[in-house]
Amino acid sequence: LAKLHILELRNIIAPGFNCIMHINSAVVEVCFQELIGLIDRKTGKKKLDKAGKPVRPRCGKENEVVVAKLQLASPICIESFEDFQQLGRFIMRDEGKTIAVGIVLKISDTISSSVNN
């Protein structure tokens, strides 16, 4: 689970979108599995609809802050931003341009438990 600030993008980010993640010295391909929510850039809080439920976007556009579930092509060493800030920051690139910067909010329990055993 990651929080992304989309900087520059010609098209939209939707589930199934592939790009390259640069995190520390690692470079790995990443696929967007699901967009979980939108965050208001001014307040830093989740955007809510009229019923008071979090907004679940279909796609992410330029200048939006999105919470997304990501699938990495290969396992890499990362930490959540809360636990270790230097290992929790990353950038996303596509076609030679930086399209987003972000932080790791949560690491999947299934992968981390299988690696620890």
C-alpha atoms as a PDB file:
ATOM      1  CA  LEU A   1       0.000   0.000   0.000  1.00  0.00           C
ATOM      2  CA  ALA A   2       1.494   3.325  -1.021  1.00  0.00           C
ATOM      3  CA  LYS A   3       0.621   7.013  -1.098  1.00  0.00           C
ATOM      4  CA  LEU A   4       1.525   8.623  -4.445  1.00  0.00           C
ATOM      5  CA  HIS A   5       1.627  12.241  -5.550  1.00  0.00           C
ATOM      6  CA  ILE A   6       1.154  12.139  -9.323  1.00  0.00           C
ATOM      7  CA  LEU A   7       3.339  14.835 -10.864  1.00  0.00           C
ATOM      8  CA  GLU A   8       3.409  14.611 -14.630  1.00  0.00           C
ATOM      9  CA  LEU A   9       1.406  12.190 -16.700  1.00  0.00           C
ATOM     10  CA  ARG A  10       0.131  12.169 -20.266  1.00  0.00           C
ATOM     11  CA  ASN A  11      -2.589   9.631 -19.596  1.00  0.00           C
ATOM     12  CA  ILE A  12      -4.220   8.262 -16.430  1.00  0.00           C
ATOM     13  CA  ILE A  13      -3.179   5.726 -13.810  1.00  0.00           C
ATOM     14  CA  ALA A  14      -5.699   2.902 -13.447  1.00  0.00           C
ATOM     15  CA  PRO A  15      -5.541  -0.693 -12.201  1.00  0.00           C
ATOM     16  CA  GLY A  16      -3.239  -2.613 -14.548  1.00  0.00           C
ATOM     17  CA  PHE A  17      -0.960   0.389 -15.268  1.00  0.00           C
ATOM     18  CA  ASN A  18       2.730  -0.650 -15.384  1.00  0.00           C
ATOM     19  CA  CYS A  19       5.743   1.567 -14.718  1.00  0.00           C
ATOM     20  CA  ILE A  20       9.195   1.463 -13.112  1.00  0.00           C
ATOM     21  CA  MET A  21       9.738   2.064  -9.382  1.00  0.00           C
ATOM     22  CA  HIS A  22      13.049   3.470  -8.133  1.00  0.00           C
ATOM     23  CA  ILE A  23      13.379   2.840  -4.417  1.00  0.00           C
ATOM     24  CA  ASN A  24      16.827   3.367  -2.883  1.00  0.00           C
ATOM     25  CA  SER A  25      19.247   1.636  -5.276  1.00  0.00           C
ATOM     26  CA  ALA A  26      16.649  -0.871  -6.516  1.00  0.00           C
ATOM     27  CA  VAL A  27      14.827  -0.550  -9.829  1.00  0.00           C
ATOM     28  CA  VAL A  28      11.805  -2.805 -10.264  1.00  0.00           C
ATOM     29  CA  GLU A  29       8.734  -2.965 -12.480  1.00  0.00           C
ATOM     30  CA  VAL A  30       5.460  -2.335 -10.665  1.00  0.00           C
ATOM     31  CA  CYS A  31       1.802  -2.853 -11.555  1.00  0.00           C
ATOM     32  CA  PHE A  32      -1.088  -0.947  -9.984  1.00  0.00           C
ATOM     33  CA  GLN A  33      -3.512  -3.507  -8.514  1.00  0.00           C
ATOM     34  CA  GLU A  34      -6.149  -1.209  -7.030  1.00  0.00           C
ATOM     35  CA  LEU A  35      -6.731   2.463  -6.242  1.00  0.00           C
ATOM     36  CA  ILE A  36      -7.868   2.648  -2.628  1.00  0.00           C
ATOM     37  CA  GLY A  37      -8.600   6.348  -2.136  1.00  0.00           C
ATOM     38  CA  LEU A  38      -7.879  10.004  -2.798  1.00  0.00           C
ATOM     39  CA  ILE A  39      -6.221  12.385  -0.367  1.00  0.00           C
ATOM     40  CA  ASP A  40      -6.865  16.124  -0.277  1.00  0.00           C
ATOM     41  CA  ARG A  41      -3.570  17.878  -1.044  1.00  0.00           C
ATOM     42  CA  LYS A  42      -4.362  20.867   1.189  1.00  0.00           C
ATOM     43  CA  THR A  43      -5.510  19.094   4.344  1.00  0.00           C
ATOM     44  CA  GLY A  44      -3.788  15.710   3.949  1.00  0.00           C
ATOM     45  CA  LYS A  45      -7.021  13.890   4.867  1.00  0.00           C
ATOM     46  CA  LYS A  46      -8.974  11.309   2.880  1.00  0.00           C
ATOM     47  CA  LYS A  47     -11.600  12.743   0.541  1.00  0.00           C
ATOM     48  CA  LEU A  48     -15.116  11.690   1.468  1.00  0.00           C
ATOM     49  CA  ASP A  49     -18.256  11.482  -0.649  1.00  0.00           C
ATOM     50  CA  LYS A  50     -21.648  12.913   0.379  1.00  0.00           C
ATOM     51  CA  ALA A  51     -22.467   9.808   2.417  1.00  0.00           C
ATOM     52  CA  GLY A  52     -19.251  10.184   4.434  1.00  0.00           C
ATOM     53  CA  LYS A  53     -17.494   7.192   2.855  1.00  0.00           C
ATOM     54  CA  PRO A  54     -13.959   7.438   1.425  1.00  0.00           C
ATOM     55  CA  VAL A  55     -13.843   8.175  -2.302  1.00  0.00           C
ATOM     56  CA  ARG A  56     -12.600   5.171  -4.333  1.00  0.00           C
ATOM     57  CA  PRO A  57     -11.312   6.568  -7.635  1.00  0.00           C
ATOM     58  CA  ARG A  58     -11.394   4.652 -10.920  1.00  0.00           C
ATOM     59  CA  CYS A  59      -8.216   6.406 -12.085  1.00  0.00           C
ATOM     60  CA  GLY A  60      -5.518   8.778 -10.915  1.00  0.00           C
ATOM     61  CA  LYS A  61      -4.842  12.001 -12.788  1.00  0.00           C
ATOM     62  CA  GLU A  62      -2.091  14.596 -12.780  1.00  0.00           C
ATOM     63  CA  ASN A  63      -1.699  16.622  -9.532  1.00  0.00           C
ATOM     64  CA  GLU A  64      -3.712  14.148  -7.430  1.00  0.00           C
ATOM     65  CA  VAL A  65      -2.610  12.291  -4.306  1.00  0.00           C
ATOM     66  CA  VAL A  66      -3.708   8.652  -4.514  1.00  0.00           C
ATOM     67  CA  VAL A  67      -3.489   5.682  -2.163  1.00  0.00           C
ATOM     68  CA  ALA A  68      -2.877   2.549  -4.215  1.00  0.00           C
ATOM     69  CA  LYS A  69      -2.137  -1.142  -3.828  1.00  0.00           C
ATOM     70  CA  LEU A  70       0.947  -2.040  -5.889  1.00  0.00           C
ATOM     71  CA  GLN A  71       2.334  -5.380  -7.094  1.00  0.00           C
ATOM     72  CA  LEU A  72       6.107  -5.593  -7.603  1.00  0.00           C
ATOM     73  CA  ALA A  73       7.578  -7.844 -10.288  1.00  0.00           C
ATOM     74  CA  SER A  74      10.275  -9.135  -7.920  1.00  0.00           C
ATOM     75  CA  PRO A  75      10.837  -8.995  -4.145  1.00  0.00           C
ATOM     76  CA  ILE A  76      12.949  -6.096  -2.870  1.00  0.00           C
ATOM     77  CA  CYS A  77      13.991  -4.738   0.515  1.00  0.00           C
ATOM     78  CA  ILE A  78      11.677  -1.923   1.605  1.00  0.00           C
ATOM     79  CA  GLU A  79      10.215  -0.626   4.851  1.00  0.00           C
ATOM     80  CA  SER A  80       7.165   1.450   5.598  1.00  0.00           C
ATOM     81  CA  PHE A  81       7.798   5.186   5.791  1.00  0.00           C
ATOM     82  CA  GLU A  82       6.596   5.190   9.396  1.00  0.00           C
ATOM     83  CA  ASP A  83       9.210   2.591  10.459  1.00  0.00           C
ATOM     84  CA  PHE A  84      12.218   3.798   8.440  1.00  0.00           C
ATOM     85  CA  GLN A  85      11.845   6.975   6.390  1.00  0.00           C
ATOM     86  CA  GLN A  86      14.853   6.482   4.094  1.00  0.00           C
ATOM     87  CA  LEU A  87      13.684   3.025   2.950  1.00  0.00           C
ATOM     88  CA  GLY A  88      10.063   4.118   2.609  1.00  0.00           C
ATOM     89  CA  ARG A  89      10.413   6.726  -0.167  1.00  0.00           C
ATOM     90  CA  PHE A  90      10.270   6.015  -3.906  1.00  0.00           C
ATOM     91  CA  ILE A  91       9.716   7.536  -7.335  1.00  0.00           C
ATOM     92  CA  MET A  92       7.811   6.158 -10.317  1.00  0.00           C
ATOM     93  CA  ARG A  93       9.063   6.602 -13.857  1.00  0.00           C
ATOM     94  CA  ASP A  94       7.494   5.891 -17.227  1.00  0.00           C
ATOM     95  CA  GLU A  95       8.970   6.523 -20.680  1.00  0.00           C
ATOM     96  CA  GLY A  96      11.989   8.285 -19.148  1.00  0.00           C
ATOM     97  CA  LYS A  97       9.950  10.797 -17.112  1.00  0.00           C
ATOM     98  CA  THR A  98       9.234  10.950 -13.394  1.00  0.00           C
ATOM     99  CA  ILE A  99       5.476  10.556 -13.111  1.00  0.00           C
ATOM    100  CA  ALA A 100       5.026  10.246  -9.328  1.00  0.00           C
ATOM    101  CA  VAL A 101       6.742  10.358  -5.948  1.00  0.00           C
ATOM    102  CA  GLY A 102       5.485   8.447  -2.963  1.00  0.00           C
ATOM    103  CA  ILE A 103       5.886   6.724   0.355  1.00  0.00           C
ATOM    104  CA  VAL A 104       5.225   3.142   1.469  1.00  0.00           C
ATOM    105  CA  LEU A 105       2.300   3.039   3.905  1.00  0.00           C
ATOM    106  CA  LYS A 106       2.073  -0.709   4.516  1.00  0.00           C
ATOM    107  CA  ILE A 107       3.809  -3.874   3.350  1.00  0.00           C
ATOM    108  CA  SER A 108       1.732  -6.954   2.514  1.00  0.00           C
ATOM    109  CA  ASP A 109       1.602  -9.426   5.412  1.00  0.00           C
ATOM    110  CA  THR A 110       1.617 -12.473   3.129  1.00  0.00           C
ATOM    111  CA  ILE A 111       4.940 -11.616   1.509  1.00  0.00           C
ATOM    112  CA  SER A 112       6.713 -10.366   4.633  1.00  0.00           C
ATOM    113  CA  SER A 113       5.658 -13.416   6.690  1.00  0.00           C
ATOM    114  CA  SER A 114       6.822 -15.888   4.026  1.00  0.00           C
ATOM    115  CA  VAL A 115      10.202 -14.154   3.764  1.00  0.00           C
ATOM    116  CA  ASN A 116      10.692 -14.116   7.564  1.00  0.00           C
ATOM    117  CA  ASN A 117      10.076 -17.882   7.902  1.00  0.00           C
END
